[in-house]
C-alpha cells in the first residue's frame, strides 16, 4: 500500500486505512495548523515524527487508553494523595496541582531529551503549533508544584468529552503521577470517560491503562469529540476534582 501524501487541502484518509503494523502509519505531509490538528484528533489520528523528517500521521491498532474509572494508583501514591488532600486548605500548601499556569514550560520539559533517547518527537514546530492550540483553549497543562517550584506535569488535548494525553515529565518522584491523578478526578467529574494514551507502555499499564482495538477506540472518539466541551480555566485543582480559577486568571472556556 502506498502511503498517502497530504497537501494543505487534502483531507485525511479514514483512520481505519492505517497500515496494519501496530504503529498504524496513516499518511504524511500537510501541516500543524489548529484546523488540521482538530480534524486529526477528532478522528483518532495524531502527528509523530522527528526533527528533519516529513510530518507523519498515525492511528495505532491497538490503542492504549486509560478509562478514568480504571485508574489504579499504587499504594504509595494513594497515601501521598491523602497526605496532600489533608493539607490543601493550608494558607500555603507545599504541594499544589495547577492548570495552565506554565504551559510553555511543561511542553519544553516534556520535549527535553531523556536518558537513552537521542532526540525528541516533540519538535520545535510541534511546540509552536501546540502553543497556538493552547492559546485557542484546546490544549492544557496539568502541573505539580512543590514549594513553589514546577516539579512535574503533563499536557494534552481536550475535545468534547475526550482527553488526549500527549506527554509527561517529572523532576521529583511521583510528580507527574500526581498531576495525572488530579486530572483523572477532574475529568471524571466532567463526564469524560477516557484518556487516550496513544502508545503502549508498562508505566501506563501499571496505572490502569489498557490496549483497545482501534475500531472500538474510533467509535468512542468520534462520539465523544462531537459532544460539548468541558470547562477549563487557569487555576488550581483540588482533591475532589474541582477546578478553582485564579482570581486574575483566564475566563472560563468550553471548546470542542
C-alpha atoms as a PDB file:
ATOM      1  CA  UNK A   1       0.000   0.000   0.000  1.00  0.00           C
ATOM      2  CA  UNK A   2       1.354   3.414  -0.996  1.00  0.00           C
ATOM      3  CA  UNK A   3       1.494   5.956   1.824  1.00  0.00           C
ATOM      4  CA  UNK A   4      -0.838   8.901   1.035  1.00  0.00           C
ATOM      5  CA  UNK A   5       0.849  12.308   0.815  1.00  0.00           C
ATOM      6  CA  UNK A   6      -1.390  15.133   2.038  1.00  0.00           C
ATOM      7  CA  UNK A   7      -1.372  18.597   0.505  1.00  0.00           C
ATOM      8  CA  UNK A   8      -2.597  21.559   2.536  1.00  0.00           C
ATOM      9  CA  UNK A   9      -6.221  20.984   1.477  1.00  0.00           C
ATOM     10  CA  UNK A  10      -6.204  17.165   1.296  1.00  0.00           C
ATOM     11  CA  UNK A  11      -8.481  15.518   3.887  1.00  0.00           C
ATOM     12  CA  UNK A  12      -7.198  12.633   5.969  1.00  0.00           C
ATOM     13  CA  UNK A  13      -7.980   9.143   4.760  1.00  0.00           C
ATOM     14  CA  UNK A  14     -10.112   7.228   7.294  1.00  0.00           C
ATOM     15  CA  UNK A  15      -8.012   6.103  10.260  1.00  0.00           C
ATOM     16  CA  UNK A  16      -9.153   2.556   9.520  1.00  0.00           C
ATOM     17  CA  UNK A  17      -6.906   2.715   6.427  1.00  0.00           C
ATOM     18  CA  UNK A  18      -3.724   2.993   8.520  1.00  0.00           C
ATOM     19  CA  UNK A  19      -1.062   0.384   7.861  1.00  0.00           C
ATOM     20  CA  UNK A  20      -1.658  -2.889   9.626  1.00  0.00           C
ATOM     21  CA  UNK A  21       1.568  -2.770  11.675  1.00  0.00           C
ATOM     22  CA  UNK A  22       0.924  -1.910  15.358  1.00  0.00           C
ATOM     23  CA  UNK A  23       2.176   1.679  14.966  1.00  0.00           C
ATOM     24  CA  UNK A  24      -0.528   2.415  12.383  1.00  0.00           C
ATOM     25  CA  UNK A  25       1.146   4.841   9.981  1.00  0.00           C
ATOM     26  CA  UNK A  26      -1.654   6.544   8.011  1.00  0.00           C
ATOM     27  CA  UNK A  27      -0.308   9.457   5.948  1.00  0.00           C
ATOM     28  CA  UNK A  28       2.447  12.041   5.502  1.00  0.00           C
ATOM     29  CA  UNK A  29       2.512  15.742   4.716  1.00  0.00           C
ATOM     30  CA  UNK A  30       0.006  18.546   5.388  1.00  0.00           C
ATOM     31  CA  UNK A  31       0.723  20.933   8.290  1.00  0.00           C
ATOM     32  CA  UNK A  32       0.225  21.508  12.013  1.00  0.00           C
ATOM     33  CA  UNK A  33      -2.445  24.190  11.792  1.00  0.00           C
ATOM     34  CA  UNK A  34      -5.079  24.164  14.530  1.00  0.00           C
ATOM     35  CA  UNK A  35      -7.723  23.222  11.956  1.00  0.00           C
ATOM     36  CA  UNK A  36      -5.660  20.239  10.756  1.00  0.00           C
ATOM     37  CA  UNK A  37      -4.878  19.106  14.312  1.00  0.00           C
ATOM     38  CA  UNK A  38      -8.539  19.349  15.315  1.00  0.00           C
ATOM     39  CA  UNK A  39      -9.530  17.255  12.312  1.00  0.00           C
ATOM     40  CA  UNK A  40      -6.849  14.699  13.153  1.00  0.00           C
ATOM     41  CA  UNK A  41      -7.589  14.185  16.844  1.00  0.00           C
ATOM     42  CA  UNK A  42     -11.352  14.140  16.283  1.00  0.00           C
ATOM     43  CA  UNK A  43     -10.753  11.132  14.056  1.00  0.00           C
ATOM     44  CA  UNK A  44      -8.260   9.252  16.222  1.00  0.00           C
ATOM     45  CA  UNK A  45      -5.152  10.457  14.354  1.00  0.00           C
ATOM     46  CA  UNK A  46      -2.068  12.198  15.769  1.00  0.00           C
ATOM     47  CA  UNK A  47       1.279  13.521  14.453  1.00  0.00           C
ATOM     48  CA  UNK A  48       4.547  11.849  15.415  1.00  0.00           C
ATOM     49  CA  UNK A  49       7.862  12.453  13.692  1.00  0.00           C
ATOM     50  CA  UNK A  50      11.430  13.577  14.343  1.00  0.00           C
ATOM     51  CA  UNK A  51      13.116  16.881  13.540  1.00  0.00           C
ATOM     52  CA  UNK A  52      14.079  16.992   9.854  1.00  0.00           C
ATOM     53  CA  UNK A  53      11.664  14.223   8.840  1.00  0.00           C
ATOM     54  CA  UNK A  54       8.395  14.621   6.907  1.00  0.00           C
ATOM     55  CA  UNK A  55       5.304  15.200   9.020  1.00  0.00           C
ATOM     56  CA  UNK A  56       3.797  11.755   9.709  1.00  0.00           C
ATOM     57  CA  UNK A  57       0.291  10.888  10.940  1.00  0.00           C
ATOM     58  CA  UNK A  58      -0.605   7.753  12.926  1.00  0.00           C
ATOM     59  CA  UNK A  59      -3.529   5.743  14.267  1.00  0.00           C
ATOM     60  CA  UNK A  60      -2.214   2.660  16.139  1.00  0.00           C
ATOM     61  CA  UNK A  61      -4.049  -0.618  16.496  1.00  0.00           C
ATOM     62  CA  UNK A  62      -4.443  -1.448  19.329  1.00  0.00           C
ATOM     63  CA  UNK A  63      -4.686   1.928  21.048  1.00  0.00           C
ATOM     64  CA  UNK A  64      -3.615   2.464  24.662  1.00  0.00           C
ATOM     65  CA  UNK A  65      -6.472   4.014  26.662  1.00  0.00           C
ATOM     66  CA  UNK A  66      -6.917   4.882  30.323  1.00  0.00           C
ATOM     67  CA  UNK A  67     -10.561   4.676  31.363  1.00  0.00           C
ATOM     68  CA  UNK A  68     -10.816   7.148  34.237  1.00  0.00           C
ATOM     69  CA  UNK A  69     -12.813   4.600  36.279  1.00  0.00           C
ATOM     70  CA  UNK A  70      -9.912   2.144  35.901  1.00  0.00           C
ATOM     71  CA  UNK A  71      -7.187   4.485  37.167  1.00  0.00           C
ATOM     72  CA  UNK A  72      -5.205   2.437  39.683  1.00  0.00           C
ATOM     73  CA  UNK A  73      -2.667   4.440  41.705  1.00  0.00           C
ATOM     74  CA  UNK A  74      -0.159   2.450  43.716  1.00  0.00           C
ATOM     75  CA  UNK A  75      -0.454   2.131  47.486  1.00  0.00           C
ATOM     76  CA  UNK A  76       2.320   4.701  47.984  1.00  0.00           C
ATOM     77  CA  UNK A  77       0.678   7.159  45.578  1.00  0.00           C
ATOM     78  CA  UNK A  78      -2.701   6.778  47.302  1.00  0.00           C
ATOM     79  CA  UNK A  79      -1.007   7.523  50.629  1.00  0.00           C
ATOM     80  CA  UNK A  80       0.668  10.608  49.152  1.00  0.00           C
ATOM     81  CA  UNK A  81      -2.649  11.812  47.685  1.00  0.00           C
ATOM     82  CA  UNK A  82      -4.272  11.540  51.128  1.00  0.00           C
ATOM     83  CA  UNK A  83      -1.442  13.495  52.724  1.00  0.00           C
ATOM     84  CA  UNK A  84      -1.733  16.279  50.136  1.00  0.00           C
ATOM     85  CA  UNK A  85      -5.528  16.418  50.498  1.00  0.00           C
ATOM     86  CA  UNK A  86      -5.192  16.821  54.269  1.00  0.00           C
ATOM     87  CA  UNK A  87      -3.067  19.966  53.796  1.00  0.00           C
ATOM     88  CA  UNK A  88      -4.698  21.517  50.718  1.00  0.00           C
ATOM     89  CA  UNK A  89      -6.504  24.169  52.781  1.00  0.00           C
ATOM     90  CA  UNK A  90      -3.327  25.402  54.447  1.00  0.00           C
ATOM     91  CA  UNK A  91      -2.520  29.048  53.780  1.00  0.00           C
ATOM     92  CA  UNK A  92       0.499  27.977  51.742  1.00  0.00           C
ATOM     93  CA  UNK A  93       0.256  24.257  50.903  1.00  0.00           C
ATOM     94  CA  UNK A  94       3.581  22.669  49.938  1.00  0.00           C
ATOM     95  CA  UNK A  95       2.022  20.769  47.040  1.00  0.00           C
ATOM     96  CA  UNK A  96      -0.468  22.143  44.528  1.00  0.00           C
ATOM     97  CA  UNK A  97      -1.732  20.833  41.204  1.00  0.00           C
ATOM     98  CA  UNK A  98      -2.391  23.707  38.834  1.00  0.00           C
ATOM     99  CA  UNK A  99      -3.846  24.061  35.357  1.00  0.00           C
ATOM    100  CA  UNK A 100      -2.419  26.176  32.543  1.00  0.00           C
ATOM    101  CA  UNK A 101      -0.141  28.346  34.679  1.00  0.00           C
ATOM    102  CA  UNK A 102       3.079  27.276  32.903  1.00  0.00           C
ATOM    103  CA  UNK A 103       2.070  25.594  29.654  1.00  0.00           C
ATOM    104  CA  UNK A 104       5.160  26.503  27.620  1.00  0.00           C
ATOM    105  CA  UNK A 105       7.444  25.317  30.434  1.00  0.00           C
ATOM    106  CA  UNK A 106       5.627  21.997  30.712  1.00  0.00           C
ATOM    107  CA  UNK A 107       5.818  21.346  26.995  1.00  0.00           C
ATOM    108  CA  UNK A 108       9.500  22.300  26.876  1.00  0.00           C
ATOM    109  CA  UNK A 109      10.227  19.959  29.792  1.00  0.00           C
ATOM    110  CA  UNK A 110       8.374  17.125  28.045  1.00  0.00           C
ATOM    111  CA  UNK A 111      10.417  17.812  24.895  1.00  0.00           C
ATOM    112  CA  UNK A 112      13.773  17.712  26.671  1.00  0.00           C
ATOM    113  CA  UNK A 113      15.948  14.671  25.752  1.00  0.00           C
ATOM    114  CA  UNK A 114      15.717  11.780  28.185  1.00  0.00           C
ATOM    115  CA  UNK A 115      18.200   9.113  29.231  1.00  0.00           C
ATOM    116  CA  UNK A 116      18.726   6.634  26.423  1.00  0.00           C
ATOM    117  CA  UNK A 117      16.913   8.764  23.830  1.00  0.00           C
ATOM    118  CA  UNK A 118      18.960  10.627  21.203  1.00  0.00           C
ATOM    119  CA  UNK A 119      16.266  13.200  20.436  1.00  0.00           C
ATOM    120  CA  UNK A 120      12.590  14.068  20.863  1.00  0.00           C
ATOM    121  CA  UNK A 121       9.421  13.667  18.843  1.00  0.00           C
ATOM    122  CA  UNK A 122       8.135  16.969  20.284  1.00  0.00           C
ATOM    123  CA  UNK A 123       9.779  19.051  17.569  1.00  0.00           C
ATOM    124  CA  UNK A 124      10.185  22.815  17.557  1.00  0.00           C
ATOM    125  CA  UNK A 125       7.370  23.111  15.009  1.00  0.00           C
ATOM    126  CA  UNK A 126       5.132  20.932  17.160  1.00  0.00           C
ATOM    127  CA  UNK A 127       5.812  23.037  20.249  1.00  0.00           C
ATOM    128  CA  UNK A 128       4.850  26.178  18.340  1.00  0.00           C
ATOM    129  CA  UNK A 129       1.690  24.583  16.947  1.00  0.00           C
ATOM    130  CA  UNK A 130       0.504  23.273  20.311  1.00  0.00           C
ATOM    131  CA  UNK A 131       1.218  26.603  21.983  1.00  0.00           C
ATOM    132  CA  UNK A 132      -1.108  28.158  19.398  1.00  0.00           C
ATOM    133  CA  UNK A 133      -3.697  25.460  20.130  1.00  0.00           C
ATOM    134  CA  UNK A 134      -3.276  26.144  23.838  1.00  0.00           C
ATOM    135  CA  UNK A 135      -3.932  29.841  23.212  1.00  0.00           C
ATOM    136  CA  UNK A 136      -7.152  28.788  21.466  1.00  0.00           C
ATOM    137  CA  UNK A 137      -8.234  26.980  24.666  1.00  0.00           C
ATOM    138  CA  UNK A 138      -7.892  23.380  23.477  1.00  0.00           C
ATOM    139  CA  UNK A 139      -4.520  22.154  24.820  1.00  0.00           C
ATOM    140  CA  UNK A 140      -3.909  22.223  28.571  1.00  0.00           C
ATOM    141  CA  UNK A 141      -1.126  21.623  31.060  1.00  0.00           C
ATOM    142  CA  UNK A 142      -1.630  19.936  34.425  1.00  0.00           C
ATOM    143  CA  UNK A 143       1.256  20.915  36.706  1.00  0.00           C
ATOM    144  CA  UNK A 144       2.526  19.676  40.065  1.00  0.00           C
ATOM    145  CA  UNK A 145       4.136  22.462  42.083  1.00  0.00           C
ATOM    146  CA  UNK A 146       6.146  21.669  45.215  1.00  0.00           C
ATOM    147  CA  UNK A 147       7.366  24.516  47.444  1.00  0.00           C
ATOM    148  CA  UNK A 148       6.666  26.965  44.649  1.00  0.00           C
ATOM    149  CA  UNK A 149       8.696  25.065  42.035  1.00  0.00           C
ATOM    150  CA  UNK A 150       7.412  23.222  38.968  1.00  0.00           C
ATOM    151  CA  UNK A 151       8.153  19.579  39.832  1.00  0.00           C
ATOM    152  CA  UNK A 152       6.357  17.672  37.074  1.00  0.00           C
ATOM    153  CA  UNK A 153       3.276  17.521  34.939  1.00  0.00           C
ATOM    154  CA  UNK A 154       1.669  16.655  31.642  1.00  0.00           C
ATOM    155  CA  UNK A 155      -0.136  18.236  28.734  1.00  0.00           C
ATOM    156  CA  UNK A 156      -2.931  17.102  26.462  1.00  0.00           C
ATOM    157  CA  UNK A 157      -5.860  17.990  24.232  1.00  0.00           C
ATOM    158  CA  UNK A 158      -9.463  18.386  25.392  1.00  0.00           C
ATOM    159  CA  UNK A 159     -12.059  17.980  22.641  1.00  0.00           C
ATOM    160  CA  UNK A 160     -15.678  17.495  23.606  1.00  0.00           C
ATOM    161  CA  UNK A 161     -15.821  14.728  26.236  1.00  0.00           C
ATOM    162  CA  UNK A 162     -12.424  13.263  25.294  1.00  0.00           C
ATOM    163  CA  UNK A 163      -8.938  13.966  26.602  1.00  0.00           C
ATOM    164  CA  UNK A 164      -5.856  13.048  24.572  1.00  0.00           C
ATOM    165  CA  UNK A 165      -2.754  12.749  26.740  1.00  0.00           C
ATOM    166  CA  UNK A 166       0.444  13.780  24.967  1.00  0.00           C
ATOM    167  CA  UNK A 167       3.447  13.636  27.278  1.00  0.00           C
ATOM    168  CA  UNK A 168       4.555  13.748  30.918  1.00  0.00           C
ATOM    169  CA  UNK A 169       7.702  14.796  32.736  1.00  0.00           C
ATOM    170  CA  UNK A 170       8.918  14.657  36.305  1.00  0.00           C
ATOM    171  CA  UNK A 171      11.729  16.247  38.287  1.00  0.00           C
ATOM    172  CA  UNK A 172      10.612  14.851  41.648  1.00  0.00           C
ATOM    173  CA  UNK A 173       9.434  11.259  42.197  1.00  0.00           C
ATOM    174  CA  UNK A 174       5.658  10.892  41.663  1.00  0.00           C
ATOM    175  CA  UNK A 175       5.176  14.498  40.486  1.00  0.00           C
ATOM    176  CA  UNK A 176       3.803  13.530  37.075  1.00  0.00           C
ATOM    177  CA  UNK A 177       1.656  10.793  38.629  1.00  0.00           C
ATOM    178  CA  UNK A 178       0.120  13.363  40.986  1.00  0.00           C
ATOM    179  CA  UNK A 179      -0.789  15.538  38.002  1.00  0.00           C
ATOM    180  CA  UNK A 180      -2.401  12.547  36.299  1.00  0.00           C
ATOM    181  CA  UNK A 181      -4.338  11.576  39.432  1.00  0.00           C
ATOM    182  CA  UNK A 182      -5.794  15.066  39.771  1.00  0.00           C
ATOM    183  CA  UNK A 183      -6.568  15.203  36.048  1.00  0.00           C
ATOM    184  CA  UNK A 184      -8.443  11.891  36.314  1.00  0.00           C
ATOM    185  CA  UNK A 185     -10.587  13.248  39.138  1.00  0.00           C
ATOM    186  CA  UNK A 186     -11.388  16.410  37.196  1.00  0.00           C
ATOM    187  CA  UNK A 187     -12.269  14.543  34.011  1.00  0.00           C
ATOM    188  CA  UNK A 188     -14.419  12.065  35.939  1.00  0.00           C
ATOM    189  CA  UNK A 189     -16.365  14.952  37.481  1.00  0.00           C
ATOM    190  CA  UNK A 190     -16.926  16.370  33.975  1.00  0.00           C
ATOM    191  CA  UNK A 191     -18.191  13.152  32.445  1.00  0.00           C
ATOM    192  CA  UNK A 192     -15.068  12.358  30.438  1.00  0.00           C
ATOM    193  CA  UNK A 193     -14.649   8.580  30.351  1.00  0.00           C
ATOM    194  CA  UNK A 194     -11.369   8.009  28.517  1.00  0.00           C
ATOM    195  CA  UNK A 195      -7.853   9.413  28.261  1.00  0.00           C
ATOM    196  CA  UNK A 196      -6.059   8.497  25.049  1.00  0.00           C
ATOM    197  CA  UNK A 197      -2.512   7.360  25.851  1.00  0.00           C
ATOM    198  CA  UNK A 198      -1.563   6.579  22.222  1.00  0.00           C
ATOM    199  CA  UNK A 199       1.272   4.090  22.737  1.00  0.00           C
ATOM    200  CA  UNK A 200       1.511   1.018  24.960  1.00  0.00           C
ATOM    201  CA  UNK A 201       3.943   1.319  27.879  1.00  0.00           C
ATOM    202  CA  UNK A 202       4.408  -0.578  31.124  1.00  0.00           C
ATOM    203  CA  UNK A 203       4.283   2.710  33.031  1.00  0.00           C
ATOM    204  CA  UNK A 204       0.758   3.461  31.794  1.00  0.00           C
ATOM    205  CA  UNK A 205      -0.366  -0.144  32.163  1.00  0.00           C
ATOM    206  CA  UNK A 206       0.706  -0.097  35.815  1.00  0.00           C
ATOM    207  CA  UNK A 207      -1.823   2.700  36.421  1.00  0.00           C
ATOM    208  CA  UNK A 208      -4.751   1.008  34.700  1.00  0.00           C
ATOM    209  CA  UNK A 209      -4.370   1.829  31.001  1.00  0.00           C
ATOM    210  CA  UNK A 210      -5.242  -0.956  28.573  1.00  0.00           C
ATOM    211  CA  UNK A 211      -4.891  -1.554  24.821  1.00  0.00           C
ATOM    212  CA  UNK A 212      -8.169  -1.422  22.888  1.00  0.00           C
ATOM    213  CA  UNK A 213      -8.957  -2.385  19.301  1.00  0.00           C
ATOM    214  CA  UNK A 214      -8.722   0.661  17.033  1.00  0.00           C
ATOM    215  CA  UNK A 215     -12.275   0.151  15.770  1.00  0.00           C
ATOM    216  CA  UNK A 216     -13.693   0.464  19.284  1.00  0.00           C
ATOM    217  CA  UNK A 217     -11.454   3.428  20.062  1.00  0.00           C
ATOM    218  CA  UNK A 218     -12.523   5.298  16.918  1.00  0.00           C
ATOM    219  CA  UNK A 219     -16.222   4.777  17.612  1.00  0.00           C
ATOM    220  CA  UNK A 220     -15.832   6.278  21.074  1.00  0.00           C
ATOM    221  CA  UNK A 221     -13.658   9.202  19.938  1.00  0.00           C
ATOM    222  CA  UNK A 222     -15.972  10.264  17.136  1.00  0.00           C
ATOM    223  CA  UNK A 223     -18.922  10.274  19.523  1.00  0.00           C
ATOM    224  CA  UNK A 224     -17.112  11.891  22.462  1.00  0.00           C
ATOM    225  CA  UNK A 225     -15.455  14.699  20.481  1.00  0.00           C
ATOM    226  CA  UNK A 226     -18.831  15.677  18.972  1.00  0.00           C
ATOM    227  CA  UNK A 227     -20.201  16.481  22.447  1.00  0.00           C
ATOM    228  CA  UNK A 228     -19.979  19.912  24.110  1.00  0.00           C
ATOM    229  CA  UNK A 229     -16.587  20.752  25.582  1.00  0.00           C
ATOM    230  CA  UNK A 230     -15.845  20.816  29.303  1.00  0.00           C
ATOM    231  CA  UNK A 231     -14.893  23.970  31.257  1.00  0.00           C
ATOM    232  CA  UNK A 232     -11.214  24.851  31.582  1.00  0.00           C
ATOM    233  CA  UNK A 233      -9.519  27.817  33.190  1.00  0.00           C
ATOM    234  CA  UNK A 234      -6.171  28.788  34.603  1.00  0.00           C
ATOM    235  CA  UNK A 235      -6.294  27.772  38.239  1.00  0.00           C
ATOM    236  CA  UNK A 236      -5.838  25.061  40.861  1.00  0.00           C
ATOM    237  CA  UNK A 237      -7.318  21.579  41.118  1.00  0.00           C
ATOM    238  CA  UNK A 238      -8.406  20.259  44.497  1.00  0.00           C
ATOM    239  CA  UNK A 239      -8.524  16.682  45.732  1.00  0.00           C
ATOM    240  CA  UNK A 240     -12.227  16.377  44.862  1.00  0.00           C
ATOM    241  CA  UNK A 241     -11.722  17.143  41.185  1.00  0.00           C
ATOM    242  CA  UNK A 242     -12.831  20.774  41.331  1.00  0.00           C
ATOM    243  CA  UNK A 243     -11.032  23.446  39.326  1.00  0.00           C
ATOM    244  CA  UNK A 244     -10.693  26.777  41.140  1.00  0.00           C
ATOM    245  CA  UNK A 245      -9.928  29.611  38.679  1.00  0.00           C
ATOM    246  CA  UNK A 246      -7.253  32.142  39.571  1.00  0.00           C
ATOM    247  CA  UNK A 247      -8.715  35.448  40.632  1.00  0.00           C
ATOM    248  CA  UNK A 248      -6.953  37.117  37.726  1.00  0.00           C
ATOM    249  CA  UNK A 249      -6.874  34.024  35.556  1.00  0.00           C
ATOM    250  CA  UNK A 250      -8.386  33.131  32.232  1.00  0.00           C
ATOM    251  CA  UNK A 251     -12.107  33.330  31.718  1.00  0.00           C
ATOM    252  CA  UNK A 252     -13.940  30.015  31.721  1.00  0.00           C
ATOM    253  CA  UNK A 253     -13.992  28.473  28.268  1.00  0.00           C
ATOM    254  CA  UNK A 254     -15.525  25.467  26.582  1.00  0.00           C
ATOM    255  CA  UNK A 255     -14.157  24.140  23.346  1.00  0.00           C
ATOM    256  CA  UNK A 256     -14.720  21.169  21.105  1.00  0.00           C
END
